[in-house]
Amino acid sequence: MQVPAARAVPEPSATARPPRATATKVVRTVRGDISPSDLGPTDAHEHLFLVTPIQPGDEFSDVGRAIEEAGTLVAAGVKALVDWTPIGLGRDPEGLLRVSAATGLHVVAATGVHRDAHYPADDPLRAATAESLADRFVADLTGEGVRSGMVKAGASYHRLQAFEQKIFAAAAEAHHRTGAPICVHTEHGTMGLGIVERLSHLGVPATSVLLAHLDRNPDPVEHAETGATGAWLQLDGPGRTKYWPDSTVLQLIADLAEHGLAGQILLGGDTGRSSMMRAYGGGPGLDYLFARFKPRLERELGEELSRTIFVENPARAFAFEPLHAAASFSRS
C-alpha cells in the first residue's frame, strides 16, 4: 500500500511548561550521551533483566545470557536498544553497561517505577513520598555512574491507582528537572489519552510521553485521537502469536500511517519473560522484531516507513535537552 507522509507533530498543549533554553539534544545511553543521529536502528522497548512477583518462574537476570541474547539483535542489524526495566524489578544498570560494552549496542536505561501490581504491599517504594522518588529518578538520570535516559511509569487497566498517581507526579517532576522523556506502560492498551492528559495536567508536553503496548488494543481510531496530541505510540506485539497474528500489528501500523501518524510510531520487542528468550531455552527470541517482523513490514508497507519507525522516530522520541536538575517539587 501507499503510505502517506508523516504529519507534523503538534506543539505542546497550553498546560505544558514552555521550553527552556538548553543545550543540544542528546540520547543518554549507559555509556554516555550520544547525538540522536548516531542512535541507528532501534528496538524501542526491551528488557534484558526482569524479576517481578507477578511472573514467577519467568525471571531473567543473568548478564552472560543477556549478552548472548543481545548479540542476536546486533546480528539482525540493530544498533540501539531501550531497556524499560524500572526500579525494584531486577533493574541492573551495571549489567546493561556490560551488555553494551560486549555487543557495541547503544543501550538506554530506565529509572522510574512500574504499575501497582508489580510491587507487594510491604515494598518500601509504597511508603516513599513523590518528592523522594523524584529525587531518586533525577539522581539516576544525572548522577555519577551509569545514567538512565528515560523515566518509566505504569498505569493499571482503565485506571490510575493511588500508587501510580504518586509515580506520575514524581516522573513529571523528574522530567521538569532533567528534560528526560516519560515512558508509560498501558495495561492492554487502555487509558492512552487519559495518561497524556494526566501528564499534561502535571506540565509534561505530550511530545515527551511514550505510550507502550497500544497494540494490545488494536483500535486505530482511538490511538489516532491520542496521537493527535503529539504523544508517541509504541507497539510491541510482533511474535505474540497466541494473542494475535503479526498481520494485526501490521494493519494497525498501516491504519495509523493513514491517519498521518507514521512519524509517531515506535516498535519494540518487549521480550519480558525468560521463556521468550532463546538464551534461556525459549522463543521467539530478542531478535524476532528485526529478523522476522521488520522484513515483512518492508515488503508490505515499504522501506521508507520502516526507516521512519526504526531509525528516525526513536532518534526523536528518546532525545532530550539536558536541564539543570535543581530540586523544586511543586506538582499537584
C-alpha atoms as a PDB file:
ATOM      1  CA  MET A   1       0.000   0.000   0.000  1.00  0.00           C
ATOM      2  CA  GLN A   2       0.982   3.638  -0.446  1.00  0.00           C
ATOM      3  CA  VAL A   3       1.679   5.140   2.967  1.00  0.00           C
ATOM      4  CA  PRO A   4       1.172   8.902   3.382  1.00  0.00           C
ATOM      5  CA  ALA A   5       3.984  11.099   4.655  1.00  0.00           C
ATOM      6  CA  ALA A   6       4.052  11.716   8.386  1.00  0.00           C
ATOM      7  CA  ARG A   7       2.333  14.879   9.505  1.00  0.00           C
ATOM      8  CA  ALA A   8       3.996  17.471  11.697  1.00  0.00           C
ATOM      9  CA  VAL A   9       3.879  16.713  15.431  1.00  0.00           C
ATOM     10  CA  PRO A  10       1.666  19.226  17.270  1.00  0.00           C
ATOM     11  CA  GLU A  11       3.125  21.795  19.634  1.00  0.00           C
ATOM     12  CA  PRO A  12       2.784  21.029  23.371  1.00  0.00           C
ATOM     13  CA  SER A  13      -0.572  21.975  24.871  1.00  0.00           C
ATOM     14  CA  ALA A  14      -1.088  25.227  26.699  1.00  0.00           C
ATOM     15  CA  THR A  15      -0.981  23.415  30.048  1.00  0.00           C
ATOM     16  CA  ALA A  16       2.596  22.248  29.463  1.00  0.00           C
ATOM     17  CA  ARG A  17       5.556  24.287  30.620  1.00  0.00           C
ATOM     18  CA  PRO A  18       7.174  26.463  27.942  1.00  0.00           C
ATOM     19  CA  PRO A  19      10.517  25.197  26.605  1.00  0.00           C
ATOM     20  CA  ARG A  20      13.667  26.435  28.286  1.00  0.00           C
ATOM     21  CA  ALA A  21      16.881  27.475  26.578  1.00  0.00           C
ATOM     22  CA  THR A  22      19.186  24.495  26.898  1.00  0.00           C
ATOM     23  CA  ALA A  23      21.987  22.629  25.204  1.00  0.00           C
ATOM     24  CA  THR A  24      21.809  20.437  22.107  1.00  0.00           C
ATOM     25  CA  LYS A  25      19.571  17.382  22.311  1.00  0.00           C
ATOM     26  CA  VAL A  26      21.173  14.062  23.234  1.00  0.00           C
ATOM     27  CA  VAL A  27      20.180  10.461  23.725  1.00  0.00           C
ATOM     28  CA  ARG A  28      21.513   9.387  27.126  1.00  0.00           C
ATOM     29  CA  THR A  29      22.925   5.859  26.963  1.00  0.00           C
ATOM     30  CA  VAL A  30      24.637   3.773  29.624  1.00  0.00           C
ATOM     31  CA  ARG A  31      27.997   4.599  28.039  1.00  0.00           C
ATOM     32  CA  GLY A  32      27.290   8.319  27.813  1.00  0.00           C
ATOM     33  CA  ASP A  33      25.388  10.865  25.784  1.00  0.00           C
ATOM     34  CA  ILE A  34      25.296  10.483  22.006  1.00  0.00           C
ATOM     35  CA  SER A  35      23.879  12.507  19.154  1.00  0.00           C
ATOM     36  CA  PRO A  36      20.378  11.342  18.156  1.00  0.00           C
ATOM     37  CA  SER A  37      21.692  10.875  14.618  1.00  0.00           C
ATOM     38  CA  ASP A  38      24.088   8.217  15.927  1.00  0.00           C
ATOM     39  CA  LEU A  39      21.388   6.054  17.503  1.00  0.00           C
ATOM     40  CA  GLY A  40      20.594   4.000  14.381  1.00  0.00           C
ATOM     41  CA  PRO A  41      18.017   1.195  14.040  1.00  0.00           C
ATOM     42  CA  THR A  42      16.424   0.867  17.469  1.00  0.00           C
ATOM     43  CA  ASP A  43      14.419  -1.704  19.402  1.00  0.00           C
ATOM     44  CA  ALA A  44      12.342   0.828  21.328  1.00  0.00           C
ATOM     45  CA  HIS A  45      11.132  -1.444  24.140  1.00  0.00           C
ATOM     46  CA  GLU A  46      13.073  -4.331  25.658  1.00  0.00           C
ATOM     47  CA  HIS A  47      14.064  -5.984  28.901  1.00  0.00           C
ATOM     48  CA  LEU A  48      17.466  -7.570  29.361  1.00  0.00           C
ATOM     49  CA  PHE A  49      16.771  -8.197  33.067  1.00  0.00           C
ATOM     50  CA  LEU A  50      13.403  -8.520  34.798  1.00  0.00           C
ATOM     51  CA  VAL A  51      12.410 -10.006  38.163  1.00  0.00           C
ATOM     52  CA  THR A  52       8.812  -9.467  39.258  1.00  0.00           C
ATOM     53  CA  PRO A  53       6.488 -11.332  41.633  1.00  0.00           C
ATOM     54  CA  ILE A  54       3.679 -11.378  39.048  1.00  0.00           C
ATOM     55  CA  GLN A  55       5.750 -13.581  36.700  1.00  0.00           C
ATOM     56  CA  PRO A  56       7.055 -16.387  38.959  1.00  0.00           C
ATOM     57  CA  GLY A  57       9.446 -18.708  37.164  1.00  0.00           C
ATOM     58  CA  ASP A  58       9.879 -16.321  34.223  1.00  0.00           C
ATOM     59  CA  GLU A  59      12.575 -14.124  35.781  1.00  0.00           C
ATOM     60  CA  PHE A  60      15.845 -13.372  33.991  1.00  0.00           C
ATOM     61  CA  SER A  61      18.854 -11.638  35.499  1.00  0.00           C
ATOM     62  CA  ASP A  62      21.957 -13.336  34.087  1.00  0.00           C
ATOM     63  CA  VAL A  63      24.386 -10.916  32.429  1.00  0.00           C
ATOM     64  CA  GLY A  64      26.060 -13.589  30.316  1.00  0.00           C
ATOM     65  CA  ARG A  65      22.757 -14.695  28.839  1.00  0.00           C
ATOM     66  CA  ALA A  66      21.748 -11.084  28.291  1.00  0.00           C
ATOM     67  CA  ILE A  67      24.932 -10.565  26.276  1.00  0.00           C
ATOM     68  CA  GLU A  68      24.217 -13.715  24.285  1.00  0.00           C
ATOM     69  CA  GLU A  69      20.643 -12.650  23.546  1.00  0.00           C
ATOM     70  CA  ALA A  70      21.602  -9.055  22.727  1.00  0.00           C
ATOM     71  CA  GLY A  71      24.179 -10.384  20.279  1.00  0.00           C
ATOM     72  CA  THR A  72      21.333 -11.746  18.161  1.00  0.00           C
ATOM     73  CA  LEU A  73      19.955  -8.217  17.885  1.00  0.00           C
ATOM     74  CA  VAL A  74      23.274  -6.967  16.576  1.00  0.00           C
ATOM     75  CA  ALA A  75      23.338  -9.790  14.016  1.00  0.00           C
ATOM     76  CA  ALA A  76      19.856  -8.672  12.890  1.00  0.00           C
ATOM     77  CA  GLY A  77      21.086  -5.131  12.244  1.00  0.00           C
ATOM     78  CA  VAL A  78      20.096  -3.374  15.461  1.00  0.00           C
ATOM     79  CA  LYS A  79      22.277  -0.534  16.725  1.00  0.00           C
ATOM     80  CA  ALA A  80      20.327   0.519  19.830  1.00  0.00           C
ATOM     81  CA  LEU A  81      18.044  -0.919  22.496  1.00  0.00           C
ATOM     82  CA  VAL A  82      15.879   0.803  25.102  1.00  0.00           C
ATOM     83  CA  ASP A  83      15.573  -1.202  28.305  1.00  0.00           C
ATOM     84  CA  TRP A  84      12.343  -0.425  30.203  1.00  0.00           C
ATOM     85  CA  THR A  85      13.069  -2.328  33.447  1.00  0.00           C
ATOM     86  CA  PRO A  86      12.417   0.077  36.356  1.00  0.00           C
ATOM     87  CA  ILE A  87      13.426   0.275  39.994  1.00  0.00           C
ATOM     88  CA  GLY A  88      12.640  -2.757  42.143  1.00  0.00           C
ATOM     89  CA  LEU A  89      12.185  -5.279  39.317  1.00  0.00           C
ATOM     90  CA  GLY A  90      15.700  -6.505  38.617  1.00  0.00           C
ATOM     91  CA  ARG A  91      16.968  -3.224  37.146  1.00  0.00           C
ATOM     92  CA  ASP A  92      20.733  -3.593  36.623  1.00  0.00           C
ATOM     93  CA  PRO A  93      22.486  -0.520  35.181  1.00  0.00           C
ATOM     94  CA  GLU A  94      25.933  -2.063  35.557  1.00  0.00           C
ATOM     95  CA  GLY A  95      24.693  -5.177  33.780  1.00  0.00           C
ATOM     96  CA  LEU A  96      23.359  -3.041  30.940  1.00  0.00           C
ATOM     97  CA  LEU A  97      26.747  -1.353  30.718  1.00  0.00           C
ATOM     98  CA  ARG A  98      28.412  -4.767  30.375  1.00  0.00           C
ATOM     99  CA  VAL A  99      25.961  -5.749  27.626  1.00  0.00           C
ATOM    100  CA  SER A 100      26.607  -2.501  25.769  1.00  0.00           C
ATOM    101  CA  ALA A 101      30.365  -2.879  26.045  1.00  0.00           C
ATOM    102  CA  ALA A 102      30.295  -6.517  24.917  1.00  0.00           C
ATOM    103  CA  THR A 103      27.965  -6.033  21.940  1.00  0.00           C
ATOM    104  CA  GLY A 104      28.505  -2.431  20.852  1.00  0.00           C
ATOM    105  CA  LEU A 105      24.791  -1.690  21.226  1.00  0.00           C
ATOM    106  CA  HIS A 106      23.702   1.742  22.368  1.00  0.00           C
ATOM    107  CA  VAL A 107      21.599   0.931  25.446  1.00  0.00           C
ATOM    108  CA  VAL A 108      19.191   3.400  27.036  1.00  0.00           C
ATOM    109  CA  ALA A 109      18.341   2.516  30.647  1.00  0.00           C
ATOM    110  CA  ALA A 110      15.203   3.352  32.619  1.00  0.00           C
ATOM    111  CA  THR A 111      14.647   4.770  36.026  1.00  0.00           C
ATOM    112  CA  GLY A 112      11.132   5.058  37.434  1.00  0.00           C
ATOM    113  CA  VAL A 113       8.561   2.620  38.823  1.00  0.00           C
ATOM    114  CA  HIS A 114       6.108   0.233  37.166  1.00  0.00           C
ATOM    115  CA  ARG A 115       2.353  -0.155  37.743  1.00  0.00           C
ATOM    116  CA  ASP A 116       0.919  -1.088  41.133  1.00  0.00           C
ATOM    117  CA  ALA A 117       0.618  -4.861  40.579  1.00  0.00           C
ATOM    118  CA  HIS A 118       4.384  -5.412  40.394  1.00  0.00           C
ATOM    119  CA  TYR A 119       5.083  -4.304  43.980  1.00  0.00           C
ATOM    120  CA  PRO A 120       3.985  -6.190  47.120  1.00  0.00           C
ATOM    121  CA  ALA A 121       2.194  -4.384  49.927  1.00  0.00           C
ATOM    122  CA  ASP A 122       5.368  -4.093  52.021  1.00  0.00           C
ATOM    123  CA  ASP A 123       7.600  -2.755  49.240  1.00  0.00           C
ATOM    124  CA  PRO A 124       9.469   0.348  50.534  1.00  0.00           C
ATOM    125  CA  LEU A 125       8.573   2.226  47.361  1.00  0.00           C
ATOM    126  CA  ARG A 126       4.972   2.399  48.561  1.00  0.00           C
ATOM    127  CA  ALA A 127       5.977   4.420  51.621  1.00  0.00           C
ATOM    128  CA  ALA A 128       8.242   6.783  49.696  1.00  0.00           C
ATOM    129  CA  THR A 129       6.981  10.280  49.009  1.00  0.00           C
ATOM    130  CA  ALA A 130       6.633  11.663  45.499  1.00  0.00           C
ATOM    131  CA  GLU A 131       9.360  14.161  46.397  1.00  0.00           C
ATOM    132  CA  SER A 132      11.858  11.475  47.422  1.00  0.00           C
ATOM    133  CA  LEU A 133      11.044   9.388  44.367  1.00  0.00           C
ATOM    134  CA  ALA A 134      11.574  12.378  42.088  1.00  0.00           C
ATOM    135  CA  ASP A 135      14.964  12.959  43.728  1.00  0.00           C
ATOM    136  CA  ARG A 136      15.871   9.314  43.133  1.00  0.00           C
ATOM    137  CA  PHE A 137      14.806   9.437  39.494  1.00  0.00           C
ATOM    138  CA  VAL A 138      16.807  12.621  38.939  1.00  0.00           C
ATOM    139  CA  ALA A 139      19.874  11.055  40.567  1.00  0.00           C
ATOM    140  CA  ASP A 140      19.587   8.089  38.215  1.00  0.00           C
ATOM    141  CA  LEU A 141      19.302  10.433  35.230  1.00  0.00           C
ATOM    142  CA  THR A 142      22.046  12.907  36.127  1.00  0.00           C
ATOM    143  CA  GLY A 143      24.282  11.451  38.840  1.00  0.00           C
ATOM    144  CA  GLU A 144      27.582   9.659  38.859  1.00  0.00           C
ATOM    145  CA  GLY A 145      27.997   6.199  37.390  1.00  0.00           C
ATOM    146  CA  VAL A 146      25.688   4.582  34.832  1.00  0.00           C
ATOM    147  CA  ARG A 147      22.953   7.070  33.969  1.00  0.00           C
ATOM    148  CA  SER A 148      19.402   6.407  32.819  1.00  0.00           C
ATOM    149  CA  GLY A 149      17.940   8.013  29.709  1.00  0.00           C
ATOM    150  CA  MET A 150      14.208   7.940  30.460  1.00  0.00           C
ATOM    151  CA  VAL A 151      11.643   7.636  33.270  1.00  0.00           C
ATOM    152  CA  LYS A 152       9.288   4.647  33.414  1.00  0.00           C
ATOM    153  CA  ALA A 153       5.765   4.803  34.853  1.00  0.00           C
ATOM    154  CA  GLY A 154       2.794   2.473  34.639  1.00  0.00           C
ATOM    155  CA  ALA A 155      -0.995   2.504  34.632  1.00  0.00           C
ATOM    156  CA  SER A 156      -3.493  -0.184  35.589  1.00  0.00           C
ATOM    157  CA  TYR A 157      -6.348  -1.415  33.410  1.00  0.00           C
ATOM    158  CA  HIS A 158      -8.552   1.606  32.646  1.00  0.00           C
ATOM    159  CA  ARG A 159      -7.443   3.436  35.805  1.00  0.00           C
ATOM    160  CA  LEU A 160      -4.635   5.022  37.759  1.00  0.00           C
ATOM    161  CA  GLN A 161      -4.317   3.684  41.290  1.00  0.00           C
ATOM    162  CA  ALA A 162      -3.074   5.924  44.122  1.00  0.00           C
ATOM    163  CA  PHE A 163       0.438   4.449  43.984  1.00  0.00           C
ATOM    164  CA  GLU A 164       0.579   5.050  40.242  1.00  0.00           C
ATOM    165  CA  GLN A 165      -0.636   8.635  40.630  1.00  0.00           C
ATOM    166  CA  LYS A 166       2.259   9.240  43.002  1.00  0.00           C
ATOM    167  CA  ILE A 167       4.691   7.792  40.471  1.00  0.00           C
ATOM    168  CA  PHE A 168       3.236  10.012  37.739  1.00  0.00           C
ATOM    169  CA  ALA A 169       3.815  13.077  39.924  1.00  0.00           C
ATOM    170  CA  ALA A 170       7.402  12.024  40.643  1.00  0.00           C
ATOM    171  CA  ALA A 171       8.054  11.211  36.981  1.00  0.00           C
ATOM    172  CA  ALA A 172       6.696  14.591  35.902  1.00  0.00           C
ATOM    173  CA  GLU A 173       8.941  16.393  38.369  1.00  0.00           C
ATOM    174  CA  ALA A 174      11.950  14.385  37.161  1.00  0.00           C
ATOM    175  CA  HIS A 175      11.082  15.402  33.609  1.00  0.00           C
ATOM    176  CA  HIS A 176      10.917  19.076  34.580  1.00  0.00           C
ATOM    177  CA  ARG A 177      14.298  18.897  36.300  1.00  0.00           C
ATOM    178  CA  THR A 178      16.113  16.906  33.600  1.00  0.00           C
ATOM    179  CA  GLY A 179      14.173  17.050  30.309  1.00  0.00           C
ATOM    180  CA  ALA A 180      14.083  13.229  30.058  1.00  0.00           C
ATOM    181  CA  PRO A 181      11.124  11.544  28.317  1.00  0.00           C
ATOM    182  CA  ILE A 182       8.492   9.622  30.276  1.00  0.00           C
ATOM    183  CA  CYS A 183       7.711   6.101  29.029  1.00  0.00           C
ATOM    184  CA  VAL A 184       4.420   4.684  30.273  1.00  0.00           C
ATOM    185  CA  HIS A 185       3.117   1.115  30.448  1.00  0.00           C
ATOM    186  CA  THR A 186      -0.527   0.940  29.384  1.00  0.00           C
ATOM    187  CA  GLU A 187      -2.427  -2.122  30.554  1.00  0.00           C
ATOM    188  CA  HIS A 188      -3.921  -3.816  27.495  1.00  0.00           C
ATOM    189  CA  GLY A 189      -3.509  -0.572  25.548  1.00  0.00           C
ATOM    190  CA  THR A 190      -6.041   1.320  27.671  1.00  0.00           C
ATOM    191  CA  MET A 191      -6.012   4.882  29.010  1.00  0.00           C
ATOM    192  CA  GLY A 192      -3.658   6.250  26.371  1.00  0.00           C
ATOM    193  CA  LEU A 193      -5.360   9.618  26.059  1.00  0.00           C
ATOM    194  CA  GLY A 194      -6.088   9.738  29.794  1.00  0.00           C
ATOM    195  CA  ILE A 195      -2.393   9.205  30.559  1.00  0.00           C
ATOM    196  CA  VAL A 196      -1.379  12.003  28.218  1.00  0.00           C
ATOM    197  CA  GLU A 197      -3.977  14.300  29.781  1.00  0.00           C
ATOM    198  CA  ARG A 198      -2.843  13.419  33.302  1.00  0.00           C
ATOM    199  CA  LEU A 199       0.787  14.199  32.493  1.00  0.00           C
ATOM    200  CA  SER A 200      -0.256  17.351  30.655  1.00  0.00           C
ATOM    201  CA  HIS A 201      -2.002  18.452  33.862  1.00  0.00           C
ATOM    202  CA  LEU A 202       1.352  17.895  35.572  1.00  0.00           C
ATOM    203  CA  GLY A 203       3.046  20.125  32.980  1.00  0.00           C
ATOM    204  CA  VAL A 204       4.573  17.447  30.743  1.00  0.00           C
ATOM    205  CA  PRO A 205       4.195  18.057  26.982  1.00  0.00           C
ATOM    206  CA  ALA A 206       2.676  15.174  25.054  1.00  0.00           C
ATOM    207  CA  THR A 207       5.734  15.096  22.813  1.00  0.00           C
ATOM    208  CA  SER A 208       7.735  13.864  25.838  1.00  0.00           C
ATOM    209  CA  VAL A 209       5.330  10.977  26.552  1.00  0.00           C
ATOM    210  CA  LEU A 210       5.763   7.463  25.095  1.00  0.00           C
ATOM    211  CA  LEU A 211       2.862   5.031  25.455  1.00  0.00           C
ATOM    212  CA  ALA A 212       3.661   1.298  25.377  1.00  0.00           C
ATOM    213  CA  HIS A 213       1.585  -1.738  24.394  1.00  0.00           C
ATOM    214  CA  LEU A 214      -1.047   0.171  22.429  1.00  0.00           C
ATOM    215  CA  ASP A 215      -1.442  -2.727  20.005  1.00  0.00           C
ATOM    216  CA  ARG A 216      -2.940  -4.775  22.860  1.00  0.00           C
ATOM    217  CA  ASN A 217      -5.974  -2.709  21.885  1.00  0.00           C
ATOM    218  CA  PRO A 218      -5.613  -2.502  18.072  1.00  0.00           C
ATOM    219  CA  ASP A 219      -8.089   0.347  17.610  1.00  0.00           C
ATOM    220  CA  PRO A 220      -6.586   2.863  15.165  1.00  0.00           C
ATOM    221  CA  VAL A 221      -9.298   5.470  15.710  1.00  0.00           C
ATOM    222  CA  GLU A 222      -8.758   5.546  19.466  1.00  0.00           C
ATOM    223  CA  HIS A 223      -4.980   5.743  19.071  1.00  0.00           C
ATOM    224  CA  ALA A 224      -5.279   8.400  16.370  1.00  0.00           C
ATOM    225  CA  GLU A 225      -7.103  10.576  18.907  1.00  0.00           C
ATOM    226  CA  THR A 226      -4.242  10.031  21.344  1.00  0.00           C
ATOM    227  CA  GLY A 227      -1.665  10.609  18.629  1.00  0.00           C
ATOM    228  CA  ALA A 228      -3.272  13.948  17.735  1.00  0.00           C
ATOM    229  CA  THR A 229      -1.815  15.279  20.997  1.00  0.00           C
ATOM    230  CA  GLY A 230       1.729  14.620  19.759  1.00  0.00           C
ATOM    231  CA  ALA A 231       2.395  11.637  22.049  1.00  0.00           C
ATOM    232  CA  TRP A 232       4.472   8.680  20.848  1.00  0.00           C
ATOM    233  CA  LEU A 233       2.585   5.466  20.012  1.00  0.00           C
ATOM    234  CA  GLN A 234       4.644   2.379  20.810  1.00  0.00           C
ATOM    235  CA  LEU A 235       3.646  -1.098  19.608  1.00  0.00           C
ATOM    236  CA  ASP A 236       5.292  -4.319  20.784  1.00  0.00           C
ATOM    237  CA  GLY A 237       3.077  -7.203  19.734  1.00  0.00           C
ATOM    238  CA  PRO A 238       5.118  -8.895  16.963  1.00  0.00           C
ATOM    239  CA  GLY A 239       5.777 -12.565  17.747  1.00  0.00           C
ATOM    240  CA  ARG A 240       2.932 -12.933  20.270  1.00  0.00           C
ATOM    241  CA  THR A 241       1.003 -15.293  18.032  1.00  0.00           C
ATOM    242  CA  LYS A 242      -1.030 -16.838  20.873  1.00  0.00           C
ATOM    243  CA  TYR A 243      -2.731 -13.448  21.279  1.00  0.00           C
ATOM    244  CA  TRP A 244      -2.869 -12.173  17.689  1.00  0.00           C
ATOM    245  CA  PRO A 245      -1.032 -12.687  14.383  1.00  0.00           C
ATOM    246  CA  ASP A 246       1.597 -10.255  13.149  1.00  0.00           C
ATOM    247  CA  SER A 247      -0.884  -9.199  10.464  1.00  0.00           C
ATOM    248  CA  THR A 248      -2.921  -7.466  13.195  1.00  0.00           C
ATOM    249  CA  VAL A 249       0.049  -5.305  14.155  1.00  0.00           C
ATOM    250  CA  LEU A 250       0.876  -4.577  10.515  1.00  0.00           C
ATOM    251  CA  GLN A 251      -2.695  -3.484   9.855  1.00  0.00           C
ATOM    252  CA  LEU A 252      -2.620  -1.190  12.884  1.00  0.00           C
ATOM    253  CA  ILE A 253       0.625   0.368  11.643  1.00  0.00           C
ATOM    254  CA  ALA A 254      -0.905   0.883   8.200  1.00  0.00           C
ATOM    255  CA  ASP A 255      -4.043   2.408   9.711  1.00  0.00           C
ATOM    256  CA  LEU A 256      -2.074   4.770  11.953  1.00  0.00           C
ATOM    257  CA  ALA A 257       0.030   5.841   8.986  1.00  0.00           C
ATOM    258  CA  GLU A 258      -3.173   6.514   7.034  1.00  0.00           C
ATOM    259  CA  HIS A 259      -4.189   8.808   9.903  1.00  0.00           C
ATOM    260  CA  GLY A 260      -0.948  10.748   9.396  1.00  0.00           C
ATOM    261  CA  LEU A 261       0.836   9.295  12.427  1.00  0.00           C
ATOM    262  CA  ALA A 262       3.763   7.452  10.798  1.00  0.00           C
ATOM    263  CA  GLY A 263       6.119   9.949  12.416  1.00  0.00           C
ATOM    264  CA  GLN A 264       4.967   8.977  15.923  1.00  0.00           C
ATOM    265  CA  ILE A 265       5.065   5.157  15.764  1.00  0.00           C
ATOM    266  CA  LEU A 266       7.703   3.194  17.672  1.00  0.00           C
ATOM    267  CA  LEU A 267       8.244  -0.569  17.651  1.00  0.00           C
ATOM    268  CA  GLY A 268       9.761  -2.774  20.329  1.00  0.00           C
ATOM    269  CA  GLY A 269      10.006  -6.452  21.128  1.00  0.00           C
ATOM    270  CA  ASP A 270       9.164  -6.195  24.854  1.00  0.00           C
ATOM    271  CA  THR A 271      10.735  -9.583  25.471  1.00  0.00           C
ATOM    272  CA  GLY A 272       9.693  -9.551  29.108  1.00  0.00           C
ATOM    273  CA  ARG A 273       9.917 -13.234  30.077  1.00  0.00           C
ATOM    274  CA  SER A 274      12.771 -15.718  30.196  1.00  0.00           C
ATOM    275  CA  SER A 275      10.526 -18.116  28.270  1.00  0.00           C
ATOM    276  CA  MET A 276      10.639 -15.679  25.341  1.00  0.00           C
ATOM    277  CA  MET A 277      14.444 -15.730  25.078  1.00  0.00           C
ATOM    278  CA  ARG A 278      16.491 -18.355  23.284  1.00  0.00           C
ATOM    279  CA  ALA A 279      19.389 -17.895  25.704  1.00  0.00           C
ATOM    280  CA  TYR A 280      17.035 -19.293  28.366  1.00  0.00           C
ATOM    281  CA  GLY A 281      15.659 -22.041  26.116  1.00  0.00           C
ATOM    282  CA  GLY A 282      12.588 -20.122  24.986  1.00  0.00           C
ATOM    283  CA  GLY A 283      11.419 -18.125  21.974  1.00  0.00           C
ATOM    284  CA  PRO A 284      10.841 -16.338  19.680  1.00  0.00           C
ATOM    285  CA  GLY A 285      13.988 -14.552  20.811  1.00  0.00           C
ATOM    286  CA  LEU A 286      15.056 -10.959  21.211  1.00  0.00           C
ATOM    287  CA  ASP A 287      15.808 -10.623  17.501  1.00  0.00           C
ATOM    288  CA  TYR A 288      12.314 -11.545  16.228  1.00  0.00           C
ATOM    289  CA  LEU A 289      11.267  -7.936  15.689  1.00  0.00           C
ATOM    290  CA  PHE A 290      14.178  -7.212  13.353  1.00  0.00           C
ATOM    291  CA  ALA A 291      14.906 -10.639  11.894  1.00  0.00           C
ATOM    292  CA  ARG A 292      11.285 -11.587  11.084  1.00  0.00           C
ATOM    293  CA  PHE A 293       8.834  -8.720  11.512  1.00  0.00           C
ATOM    294  CA  LYS A 294      10.829  -5.834  10.018  1.00  0.00           C
ATOM    295  CA  PRO A 295      11.407  -7.575   6.631  1.00  0.00           C
ATOM    296  CA  ARG A 296       7.679  -8.316   6.403  1.00  0.00           C
ATOM    297  CA  LEU A 297       6.823  -4.718   7.259  1.00  0.00           C
ATOM    298  CA  GLU A 298       9.140  -3.555   4.471  1.00  0.00           C
ATOM    299  CA  ARG A 299       7.585  -5.948   1.960  1.00  0.00           C
ATOM    300  CA  GLU A 300       4.018  -4.951   2.796  1.00  0.00           C
ATOM    301  CA  LEU A 301       4.290  -1.296   3.841  1.00  0.00           C
ATOM    302  CA  GLY A 302       7.558  -0.135   2.310  1.00  0.00           C
ATOM    303  CA  GLU A 303      11.146   0.567   3.288  1.00  0.00           C
ATOM    304  CA  GLU A 304      10.519   4.286   3.773  1.00  0.00           C
ATOM    305  CA  LEU A 305       8.003   3.639   6.534  1.00  0.00           C
ATOM    306  CA  SER A 306      10.360   1.083   8.075  1.00  0.00           C
ATOM    307  CA  ARG A 307      13.174   3.642   8.266  1.00  0.00           C
ATOM    308  CA  THR A 308      10.796   6.186   9.779  1.00  0.00           C
ATOM    309  CA  ILE A 309       9.709   3.784  12.515  1.00  0.00           C
ATOM    310  CA  PHE A 310      13.011   2.089  13.334  1.00  0.00           C
ATOM    311  CA  VAL A 311      15.515   4.923  12.790  1.00  0.00           C
ATOM    312  CA  GLU A 312      14.025   8.403  12.542  1.00  0.00           C
ATOM    313  CA  ASN A 313      11.330   8.167  15.196  1.00  0.00           C
ATOM    314  CA  PRO A 314      13.484   6.709  18.017  1.00  0.00           C
ATOM    315  CA  ALA A 315      16.126   9.355  17.350  1.00  0.00           C
ATOM    316  CA  ARG A 316      13.494  11.994  18.148  1.00  0.00           C
ATOM    317  CA  ALA A 317      11.485  10.169  20.809  1.00  0.00           C
ATOM    318  CA  PHE A 318      14.409   9.388  23.127  1.00  0.00           C
ATOM    319  CA  ALA A 319      16.289  12.644  22.553  1.00  0.00           C
ATOM    320  CA  PHE A 320      16.082  15.451  25.101  1.00  0.00           C
ATOM    321  CA  GLU A 321      17.837  18.659  26.039  1.00  0.00           C
ATOM    322  CA  PRO A 322      19.514  18.080  29.416  1.00  0.00           C
ATOM    323  CA  LEU A 323      18.319  20.585  32.015  1.00  0.00           C
ATOM    324  CA  HIS A 324      19.715  21.755  35.323  1.00  0.00           C
ATOM    325  CA  ALA A 325      18.444  19.300  37.943  1.00  0.00           C
ATOM    326  CA  ALA A 326      17.726  21.676  40.827  1.00  0.00           C
ATOM    327  CA  ALA A 327      15.172  20.412  43.353  1.00  0.00           C
ATOM    328  CA  SER A 328      11.862  22.266  43.136  1.00  0.00           C
ATOM    329  CA  PHE A 329       8.990  19.854  43.744  1.00  0.00           C
ATOM    330  CA  SER A 330       5.671  21.642  43.279  1.00  0.00           C
ATOM    331  CA  ARG A 331       3.422  19.333  41.235  1.00  0.00           C
ATOM    332  CA  SER A 332      -0.176  18.879  42.341  1.00  0.00           C
END
